[in-house]
Amino acid sequence: MSSFELHFKQGTSDFFQDNRIKDEDRIAAVQAKISELFNMKNVCFLFGSGTSCPAIPNMKGLLKKVEEHLTDNSLRRLFDRIQEHTNDNNLEEILGVLYSGKFYVEGVSDKLESNRFKCSQLITIIEEVIFNEINIDFSTGTQKTVLDTYQRFYQKVALRNKDLSRISVFTTNNDIYNETALDSMNIHYVNGFGGGLHKYFNPALFNYTYSKRMDLSVDKYEPVENMVYLYKIHGSVNWVYDDNSQNSFFNIKEEPRLEKYNSDQGVIIYPTPTKQNKSLGAPYVDLFREFQHKLLEHNTVLFVIGYSFSDQHVNDIVYRALATNTTINVFIINELSEEKEICKIHDKRIFRLWGYEQPSEQENRREMHYFKYTVDNWLPNVNAFTQDDEITREFVSRFNDLKRQHVDNTLTTQLNLFQ
C-alpha cells in the first residue's frame, strides 16, 4: 500500500494545518491549489539543474567531474584553495574567482604571468568539462527518459486559453532539452533568435507573438495557442560569438549543435561581472531584463522547479518582484535548506512543496518534488484539446461497443431463424 510524507508551506506556515486538511486529502488539496494558480493570466516557470537530472549532472555532479579531470597537482591545489572559500562548493563561484584572478594578474604585473596561465588553464578545463557533460546527443536511455518528461511537460502546459498569456520558461540550464522537446512536439517557441539561413540573437523577438487569421474575409486575428517563450538566462551549449556576423546588429549566433568546445567562441558561460563583461551585454542583460519585466506583470505566478536558490543574481530578481508586485505568487517545488533566505520570508504569496512517496515495500522511495513526479502528478492539463480528445475517445469507444453489441444481436437473430 502506498504511503507518503508531504510538506506544503505557505510562507513559513504549514498549509495543511492552517487549513485543517486531513492526511487523505492532502494530495488533492495541493493539486487544487496548483490548478487555481494556473488560472492566473501570466504563468512562468524557472527551471534549475534538477529538471535535466540524471541525464545531465547537477552542480555537485559537475564539480565531481571537474575534480576527476584535474591531474596536474598545481592546478588541483589552486582549485582546492578556491573551493574552500566559495559558497556550497559552487562551480559558478569558482569560475568567477578564477576570472577575477586572471584579470587582476593581467593588470598588475608581468611577473605573475605563471599565475595568469594557471587561471586560464583551470578555466578551460572547467568549461570544457561542463560543455562535454551538457552537449548530449540523446542516445542513451536516461537521456531519452528525461526528454520524454520534458515532452509531457510541454504537452500539458503549452496550449492555453487564447485570452491568457503564453507560457514563459526561464532556465539556468545550458542544455538543449527544452528546444528538442518543443521541436518534437511541433510547438512554436521564441528564444530570442531569428533569421533564415543564420539565426542571430534579437531581444525584440520576445515582444512578438504568432497569430492566425480567424476569417479570410476580414483582417481579424487571434493568438496561436501552441506557443512558448523560452529564456536561457545562463546561455546555451549551442550559442557562439560570430565575429564575421552577417547581422548588422548582433553577433551571437545559434547553431543546431556544436561538436566540440571552443574557448574563444563558445557562449556557454555562467554570467559573472568579471568575465569579459559578457554578462553586462547581450544576450545576458537582455535575458535578465526580460525575466525581471515578466515577473513584474500583474497576476503572475512563478513555478520554480529543480532550482536550489544558489544564484544570487537570479534570487535578487525574484525578491525584487515579491517586493514590488503585490499580485505575484511564487510556488517552489523543491526541498530547500531552511537556511535559504526564501524559506525565512513569512509571505503568504510564497509556497513550498516537497515530499516522499513509498509506493510499496518492493519499490524505491520517490521524491514528490522531482521534475518527473511534478509533471506526472502535480501539473494540471491545461490543454483543452486533449480533454476534448479524451471525451471523443470515450464516445468512440462506447459507440463501437454498442455497434459490436448490435452486430452480435443481429447475428444471433439470424442464426435463430435457421434453427
Protein backbone atom coordinates (compact mmCIF):
# COMPACT_ATOMS: atom_id res chain seq x y z
CA MET A 1 0.00 0.00 0.00
CA SER A 2 1.31 3.42 -0.95
CA SER A 3 2.37 5.85 1.79
CA PHE A 4 3.71 9.36 1.56
CA GLU A 5 5.25 12.19 3.55
CA LEU A 6 4.17 15.53 2.06
CA HIS A 7 5.14 19.04 3.18
CA PHE A 8 3.38 22.16 1.95
CA LYS A 9 4.33 25.59 3.28
CA GLN A 10 2.65 28.93 2.69
CA GLY A 11 5.16 31.50 3.81
CA THR A 12 6.61 29.94 6.95
CA SER A 13 3.30 28.33 7.99
CA ASP A 14 2.08 24.79 7.40
CA PHE A 15 -0.63 24.98 4.74
CA PHE A 16 -2.23 21.70 5.78
CA GLN A 17 -2.51 22.62 9.46
CA ASP A 18 -3.70 26.17 8.81
CA ASN A 19 -6.48 24.87 6.57
CA ARG A 20 -7.25 21.75 8.67
CA ILE A 21 -6.70 19.39 5.76
CA LYS A 22 -6.83 15.68 6.57
CA ASP A 23 -3.97 13.39 5.58
CA GLU A 24 -6.02 11.60 2.95
CA ASP A 25 -6.98 14.93 1.32
CA ARG A 26 -3.50 16.47 1.14
CA ILE A 27 -2.59 15.46 -2.40
CA ALA A 28 -5.94 16.66 -3.73
CA ALA A 29 -5.52 19.97 -1.85
CA VAL A 30 -2.12 20.61 -3.45
CA GLN A 31 -3.45 19.75 -6.90
CA ALA A 32 -6.38 22.10 -6.39
CA LYS A 33 -4.09 24.96 -5.34
CA ILE A 34 -1.80 24.48 -8.33
CA SER A 35 -4.79 24.34 -10.69
CA GLU A 36 -6.07 27.58 -9.15
CA LEU A 37 -2.74 29.31 -9.77
CA PHE A 38 -2.71 28.09 -13.37
CA ASN A 39 -5.75 30.26 -13.99
CA MET A 40 -3.69 33.41 -13.40
CA LYS A 41 -3.03 35.42 -16.53
CA ASN A 42 0.76 35.02 -16.62
CA VAL A 43 2.23 31.59 -15.84
CA CYS A 44 6.03 31.40 -15.67
CA PHE A 45 8.46 28.62 -14.85
CA LEU A 46 12.01 28.79 -13.54
CA PHE A 47 13.98 25.61 -14.23
CA GLY A 48 17.20 24.69 -12.44
CA SER A 49 19.64 21.86 -12.97
CA GLY A 50 17.27 19.41 -11.28
CA THR A 51 14.95 19.30 -14.29
CA SER A 52 17.62 17.71 -16.51
CA CYS A 53 18.89 15.21 -13.92
CA PRO A 54 20.02 12.46 -14.02
CA ALA A 55 20.81 12.73 -17.75
CA ILE A 56 22.97 15.77 -17.03
CA PRO A 57 24.83 16.14 -13.71
CA ASN A 58 23.68 18.82 -11.30
CA MET A 59 26.15 21.33 -9.84
CA LYS A 60 27.63 18.84 -7.38
CA GLY A 61 27.92 16.26 -10.13
CA LEU A 62 29.71 18.69 -12.44
CA LEU A 63 32.05 19.64 -9.61
CA LYS A 64 32.96 15.97 -9.17
CA LYS A 65 33.58 15.60 -12.92
CA VAL A 66 35.91 18.60 -12.85
CA GLU A 67 37.88 17.13 -9.93
CA GLU A 68 38.34 13.90 -11.90
CA HIS A 69 39.98 15.86 -14.74
CA LEU A 70 42.45 17.77 -12.54
CA THR A 71 45.51 15.59 -12.93
CA ASP A 72 48.01 18.45 -12.62
CA ASN A 73 48.96 18.87 -8.94
CA SER A 74 49.49 22.65 -9.10
CA LEU A 75 46.11 23.17 -10.75
CA ARG A 76 44.44 20.88 -8.22
CA ARG A 77 45.94 22.85 -5.33
CA LEU A 78 44.68 26.12 -6.83
CA PHE A 79 41.24 24.60 -7.35
CA ASP A 80 41.09 23.28 -3.77
CA ARG A 81 42.10 26.66 -2.29
CA ILE A 82 39.37 28.45 -4.22
CA GLN A 83 36.82 25.76 -3.41
CA GLU A 84 37.40 26.16 0.34
CA HIS A 85 36.37 29.82 0.17
CA THR A 86 33.29 29.55 -2.07
CA ASN A 87 29.69 29.10 -1.04
CA ASP A 88 28.46 25.49 -1.05
CA ASN A 89 31.31 24.48 -3.38
CA ASN A 90 29.52 26.37 -6.15
CA LEU A 91 31.19 25.83 -9.54
CA GLU A 92 29.86 29.18 -10.76
CA GLU A 93 31.58 30.99 -7.90
CA ILE A 94 34.81 29.11 -8.58
CA LEU A 95 34.71 30.30 -12.20
CA GLY A 96 34.03 33.84 -11.01
CA VAL A 97 37.04 33.78 -8.69
CA LEU A 98 39.25 32.38 -11.45
CA TYR A 99 38.25 35.10 -13.91
CA SER A 100 38.77 37.75 -11.23
CA GLY A 101 42.23 36.37 -10.51
CA LYS A 102 43.10 36.20 -14.20
CA PHE A 103 42.16 39.84 -14.86
CA TYR A 104 43.80 41.01 -11.64
CA VAL A 105 47.10 39.39 -12.59
CA GLU A 106 46.91 40.81 -16.12
CA GLY A 107 46.55 44.31 -14.75
CA VAL A 108 49.21 44.15 -12.04
CA SER A 109 52.49 42.74 -13.32
CA ASP A 110 54.04 40.51 -15.95
CA LYS A 111 55.94 38.81 -13.14
CA LEU A 112 52.74 36.98 -12.22
CA GLU A 113 52.34 35.51 -15.71
CA SER A 114 52.51 31.95 -14.35
CA ASN A 115 49.52 32.65 -12.10
CA ARG A 116 47.55 34.05 -15.02
CA PHE A 117 48.39 30.96 -17.05
CA LYS A 118 47.19 28.67 -14.24
CA CYS A 119 43.89 30.55 -14.01
CA SER A 120 43.41 30.30 -17.77
CA GLN A 121 44.23 26.60 -17.77
CA LEU A 122 41.81 25.87 -14.95
CA ILE A 123 39.03 27.92 -16.59
CA THR A 124 39.47 25.97 -19.83
CA ILE A 125 39.34 22.62 -18.02
CA ILE A 126 36.18 23.55 -16.08
CA GLU A 127 34.31 24.95 -19.08
CA GLU A 128 35.31 22.06 -21.34
CA VAL A 129 34.08 19.52 -18.77
CA ILE A 130 30.77 21.39 -18.48
CA PHE A 131 30.44 21.54 -22.27
CA ASN A 132 31.12 17.82 -22.74
CA GLU A 133 28.66 16.84 -20.00
CA ILE A 134 25.89 19.09 -21.31
CA ASN A 135 26.33 18.66 -25.07
CA ILE A 136 24.45 15.35 -25.22
CA ASP A 137 23.10 13.56 -28.31
CA PHE A 138 20.01 11.99 -26.64
CA SER A 139 21.27 8.49 -27.46
CA THR A 140 21.17 6.85 -24.03
CA GLY A 141 18.12 5.52 -22.24
CA THR A 142 18.43 8.03 -19.40
CA GLN A 143 18.65 10.95 -21.83
CA LYS A 144 15.55 9.73 -23.67
CA THR A 145 13.65 9.29 -20.40
CA VAL A 146 14.35 12.88 -19.35
CA LEU A 147 13.41 14.10 -22.84
CA ASP A 148 10.10 12.26 -22.50
CA THR A 149 9.43 14.16 -19.26
CA TYR A 150 10.11 17.49 -20.99
CA GLN A 151 7.77 16.48 -23.81
CA ARG A 152 4.96 15.61 -21.40
CA PHE A 153 5.55 18.90 -19.58
CA TYR A 154 5.02 20.94 -22.73
CA GLN A 155 2.15 18.74 -23.82
CA LYS A 156 0.40 19.66 -20.58
CA VAL A 157 1.08 23.40 -20.40
CA ALA A 158 1.70 24.76 -23.91
CA LEU A 159 -1.89 25.01 -25.13
CA ARG A 160 -3.58 27.66 -23.00
CA ASN A 161 -6.74 29.65 -23.46
CA LYS A 162 -6.05 32.34 -26.06
CA ASP A 163 -7.29 35.00 -23.61
CA LEU A 164 -4.38 34.21 -21.29
CA SER A 165 -0.68 34.91 -21.86
CA ARG A 166 1.56 32.25 -23.35
CA ILE A 167 3.72 30.17 -21.01
CA SER A 168 7.18 31.61 -20.23
CA VAL A 169 10.01 29.26 -19.28
CA PHE A 170 13.19 30.68 -17.73
CA THR A 171 16.04 28.25 -17.24
CA THR A 172 19.56 28.37 -15.83
CA ASN A 173 20.36 25.17 -17.76
CA ASN A 174 22.63 25.32 -20.79
CA ASP A 175 21.43 22.07 -22.38
CA ILE A 176 19.01 21.86 -25.32
CA TYR A 177 16.33 19.68 -23.72
CA ASN A 178 13.67 22.38 -23.99
CA GLU A 179 14.30 23.08 -27.67
CA THR A 180 14.46 19.37 -28.57
CA ALA A 181 11.19 18.67 -26.76
CA LEU A 182 9.43 21.65 -28.33
CA ASP A 183 10.60 20.74 -31.83
CA SER A 184 9.46 17.15 -31.41
CA MET A 185 6.02 18.34 -30.24
CA ASN A 186 5.68 20.82 -33.14
CA ILE A 187 5.22 23.67 -30.64
CA HIS A 188 6.28 27.15 -31.70
CA TYR A 189 8.72 28.88 -29.37
CA VAL A 190 10.52 32.21 -29.16
CA ASN A 191 14.02 32.04 -27.67
CA GLY A 192 15.36 35.39 -28.89
CA PHE A 193 16.92 34.07 -32.09
CA GLY A 194 15.57 34.80 -35.53
CA GLY A 195 16.57 34.72 -39.15
CA GLY A 196 16.66 32.36 -42.09
CA LEU A 197 19.89 30.61 -43.02
CA HIS A 198 21.63 32.06 -39.98
CA LYS A 199 19.84 32.67 -36.67
CA TYR A 200 21.08 35.61 -34.59
CA PHE A 201 20.03 36.91 -31.19
CA ASN A 202 17.49 39.73 -31.24
CA PRO A 203 15.73 40.57 -27.93
CA ALA A 204 12.92 42.34 -29.82
CA LEU A 205 11.59 38.89 -30.74
CA PHE A 206 10.40 38.38 -27.16
CA ASN A 207 7.75 41.03 -27.84
CA TYR A 208 6.40 39.12 -30.85
CA THR A 209 3.67 36.51 -30.98
CA TYR A 210 2.29 34.16 -33.58
CA SER A 211 -1.24 34.93 -34.74
CA LYS A 212 -3.65 33.19 -37.09
CA ARG A 213 -6.34 34.74 -39.22
CA MET A 214 -9.80 33.98 -37.91
CA ASP A 215 -11.77 34.96 -41.01
CA LEU A 216 -10.45 35.17 -44.56
CA SER A 217 -12.88 37.96 -45.39
CA VAL A 218 -11.76 40.35 -42.63
CA ASP A 219 -8.47 41.33 -41.01
CA LYS A 220 -9.16 39.68 -37.67
CA TYR A 221 -6.55 37.57 -35.88
CA GLU A 222 -6.14 35.61 -32.68
CA PRO A 223 -3.01 34.29 -30.93
CA VAL A 224 -1.75 30.81 -31.76
CA GLU A 225 -2.33 28.57 -28.74
CA ASN A 226 0.68 26.25 -29.00
CA MET A 227 3.46 28.73 -28.35
CA VAL A 228 6.06 29.13 -25.61
CA TYR A 229 8.59 31.81 -24.67
CA LEU A 230 11.95 30.31 -23.70
CA TYR A 231 14.62 32.33 -21.89
CA LYS A 232 18.01 30.67 -21.30
CA ILE A 233 19.36 33.17 -18.81
CA HIS A 234 22.74 31.40 -18.40
CA GLY A 235 23.37 30.91 -22.09
CA SER A 236 23.30 27.74 -24.13
CA VAL A 237 25.60 24.99 -25.31
CA ASN A 238 24.79 25.85 -28.94
CA TRP A 239 25.33 29.64 -28.83
CA VAL A 240 28.52 31.11 -30.29
CA TYR A 241 30.02 34.52 -30.94
CA ASP A 242 30.25 35.13 -34.68
CA ASP A 243 32.99 37.69 -35.38
CA ASN A 244 32.07 37.59 -39.07
CA SER A 245 28.41 38.18 -38.39
CA GLN A 246 26.22 38.91 -41.37
CA ASN A 247 23.74 40.53 -39.00
CA SER A 248 24.12 44.30 -38.72
CA PHE A 249 23.16 44.50 -35.03
CA PHE A 250 24.06 41.27 -33.21
CA ASN A 251 26.95 38.81 -33.39
CA ILE A 252 25.54 35.96 -31.26
CA LYS A 253 24.56 33.01 -33.37
CA GLU A 254 22.54 29.88 -32.62
CA GLU A 255 23.89 26.64 -34.06
CA PRO A 256 21.93 23.36 -34.31
CA ARG A 257 24.66 21.59 -32.32
CA LEU A 258 28.37 22.15 -31.66
CA GLU A 259 30.70 19.17 -31.94
CA LYS A 260 33.47 20.35 -29.63
CA TYR A 261 34.31 23.03 -27.09
CA ASN A 262 35.96 26.24 -28.32
CA SER A 263 37.06 28.63 -25.57
CA ASP A 264 37.31 31.56 -27.99
CA GLN A 265 33.87 31.11 -29.50
CA GLY A 266 31.50 29.46 -27.03
CA VAL A 267 28.86 31.48 -25.21
CA ILE A 268 28.15 28.77 -22.64
CA ILE A 269 29.16 30.77 -19.59
CA TYR A 270 27.89 31.46 -16.12
CA PRO A 271 27.32 35.23 -16.10
CA THR A 272 29.77 36.86 -13.69
CA PRO A 273 30.54 40.61 -13.61
CA THR A 274 34.21 39.94 -14.32
CA LYS A 275 34.05 37.52 -17.23
CA GLN A 276 34.96 39.73 -20.19
CA ASN A 277 31.97 41.91 -19.31
CA LYS A 278 29.77 39.43 -21.18
CA SER A 279 27.07 39.44 -18.51
CA LEU A 280 26.81 43.22 -18.91
CA GLY A 281 25.98 42.94 -22.62
CA ALA A 282 23.93 40.84 -24.99
CA PRO A 283 22.48 38.35 -24.52
CA TYR A 284 22.55 38.27 -20.72
CA VAL A 285 21.49 41.82 -19.95
CA ASP A 286 18.51 41.35 -22.28
CA LEU A 287 17.53 37.97 -20.84
CA PHE A 288 17.70 39.16 -17.22
CA ARG A 289 15.75 42.28 -18.14
CA GLU A 290 13.03 40.12 -19.69
CA PHE A 291 12.99 37.94 -16.57
CA GLN A 292 12.52 40.98 -14.38
CA HIS A 293 9.84 42.54 -16.60
CA LYS A 294 7.85 39.32 -16.81
CA LEU A 295 7.76 38.90 -13.01
CA LEU A 296 6.56 42.47 -12.59
CA GLU A 297 3.44 41.89 -14.70
CA HIS A 298 0.17 41.79 -12.78
CA ASN A 299 -1.44 38.44 -11.94
CA THR A 300 1.72 36.37 -12.38
CA VAL A 301 2.69 33.03 -10.88
CA LEU A 302 6.25 31.70 -10.97
CA PHE A 303 6.64 27.93 -10.58
CA VAL A 304 10.20 27.09 -9.51
CA ILE A 305 11.31 23.51 -10.29
CA GLY A 306 14.75 21.97 -9.78
CA TYR A 307 16.30 25.27 -8.71
CA SER A 308 18.06 25.48 -5.33
CA PHE A 309 18.24 29.30 -4.97
CA SER A 310 22.04 29.27 -5.11
CA ASP A 311 22.42 32.02 -7.74
CA GLN A 312 22.19 35.41 -6.08
CA HIS A 313 21.69 37.32 -9.33
CA VAL A 314 18.63 35.15 -10.07
CA ASN A 315 17.36 35.30 -6.49
CA ASP A 316 17.52 39.10 -6.47
CA ILE A 317 15.10 39.32 -9.38
CA VAL A 318 12.63 37.04 -7.59
CA TYR A 319 12.94 39.04 -4.35
CA ARG A 320 12.54 42.31 -6.23
CA ALA A 321 9.35 41.03 -7.83
CA LEU A 322 7.95 39.97 -4.45
CA ALA A 323 8.76 43.41 -3.04
CA THR A 324 7.27 45.31 -5.98
CA ASN A 325 4.49 43.22 -7.48
CA THR A 326 1.71 42.58 -4.99
CA THR A 327 -0.10 40.23 -7.39
CA ILE A 328 2.72 37.71 -7.89
CA ASN A 329 2.80 34.22 -6.39
CA VAL A 330 5.95 32.08 -6.17
CA PHE A 331 5.43 28.31 -6.00
CA ILE A 332 8.63 26.35 -5.24
CA ILE A 333 8.60 22.61 -5.89
CA ASN A 334 11.83 21.51 -4.23
CA GLU A 335 13.24 20.58 -0.84
CA LEU A 336 15.35 23.58 0.17
CA SER A 337 17.56 24.08 3.17
CA GLU A 338 15.68 26.09 5.79
CA GLU A 339 18.74 28.36 5.91
CA LYS A 340 17.90 29.67 2.45
CA GLU A 341 16.65 33.24 2.57
CA ILE A 342 13.47 32.43 0.63
CA CYS A 343 12.49 29.92 3.37
CA LYS A 344 12.65 32.56 6.10
CA ILE A 345 10.25 35.02 4.46
CA HIS A 346 6.81 34.98 6.06
CA ASP A 347 4.83 35.88 2.95
CA LYS A 348 1.56 34.16 2.05
CA ARG A 349 2.42 34.54 -1.65
CA ILE A 350 5.31 32.08 -1.33
CA PHE A 351 4.50 28.36 -1.45
CA ARG A 352 6.94 25.48 -0.96
CA LEU A 353 6.16 21.85 -1.76
CA TRP A 354 8.26 18.73 -1.21
CA GLY A 355 7.80 15.18 -0.05
CA TYR A 356 8.40 11.46 -0.49
CA GLU A 357 6.21 8.60 -1.62
CA GLN A 358 6.70 4.90 -0.90
CA PRO A 359 4.54 3.05 -3.48
CA SER A 360 5.18 -0.35 -1.88
CA GLU A 361 7.78 -2.27 0.07
CA GLN A 362 9.18 -3.66 -3.18
CA GLU A 363 9.54 -0.26 -4.86
CA ASN A 364 12.03 2.51 -4.13
CA ARG A 365 11.01 5.73 -2.46
CA ARG A 366 10.15 8.53 -4.91
CA GLU A 367 10.76 12.24 -4.37
CA MET A 368 7.47 14.06 -4.89
CA HIS A 369 9.29 17.31 -5.74
CA TYR A 370 11.34 15.94 -8.65
CA PHE A 371 10.60 17.08 -12.19
CA LYS A 372 9.16 13.78 -13.41
CA TYR A 373 6.81 13.40 -10.44
CA THR A 374 5.79 17.05 -10.76
CA VAL A 375 4.88 16.66 -14.43
CA ASP A 376 3.02 13.40 -13.88
CA ASN A 377 1.14 14.31 -10.70
CA TRP A 378 1.12 17.99 -9.80
CA LEU A 379 0.76 19.97 -13.02
CA PRO A 380 -2.77 20.21 -14.39
CA ASN A 381 -3.50 19.55 -18.04
CA VAL A 382 -4.39 23.00 -19.40
CA ASN A 383 -4.77 21.63 -22.93
CA ALA A 384 -8.48 21.87 -23.71
CA PHE A 385 -7.96 19.93 -26.92
CA THR A 386 -6.55 16.96 -25.03
CA GLN A 387 -9.58 17.00 -22.76
CA ASP A 388 -11.83 17.08 -25.83
CA ASP A 389 -9.85 14.22 -27.33
CA GLU A 390 -10.41 12.16 -24.20
CA ILE A 391 -14.15 12.80 -24.42
CA THR A 392 -14.08 11.92 -28.10
CA ARG A 393 -12.16 8.71 -27.47
CA GLU A 394 -14.63 7.73 -24.75
CA PHE A 395 -17.57 8.41 -27.09
CA VAL A 396 -15.98 6.42 -29.93
CA SER A 397 -15.24 3.54 -27.56
CA ARG A 398 -18.84 3.43 -26.31
CA PHE A 399 -20.16 3.75 -29.86
CA ASN A 400 -18.02 0.81 -31.02
CA ASP A 401 -19.20 -1.27 -28.06
CA LEU A 402 -22.82 -0.56 -28.96
CA LYS A 403 -22.06 -1.30 -32.60
CA ARG A 404 -20.48 -4.64 -31.75
CA GLN A 405 -23.39 -5.42 -29.44
CA HIS A 406 -25.84 -4.64 -32.27
CA VAL A 407 -23.90 -6.87 -34.68
CA ASP A 408 -23.83 -9.70 -32.16
CA ASN A 409 -27.58 -9.38 -31.57
CA THR A 410 -28.25 -9.34 -35.32
CA LEU A 411 -26.16 -12.46 -35.90
CA THR A 412 -27.90 -14.22 -33.04
CA THR A 413 -31.30 -13.36 -34.52
CA GLN A 414 -30.29 -14.61 -37.98
CA LEU A 415 -28.89 -17.85 -36.59
CA ASN A 416 -32.11 -18.45 -34.71
CA LEU A 417 -34.04 -18.18 -37.97
CA PHE A 418 -32.15 -21.16 -39.41
CA GLN A 419 -32.57 -23.37 -36.40
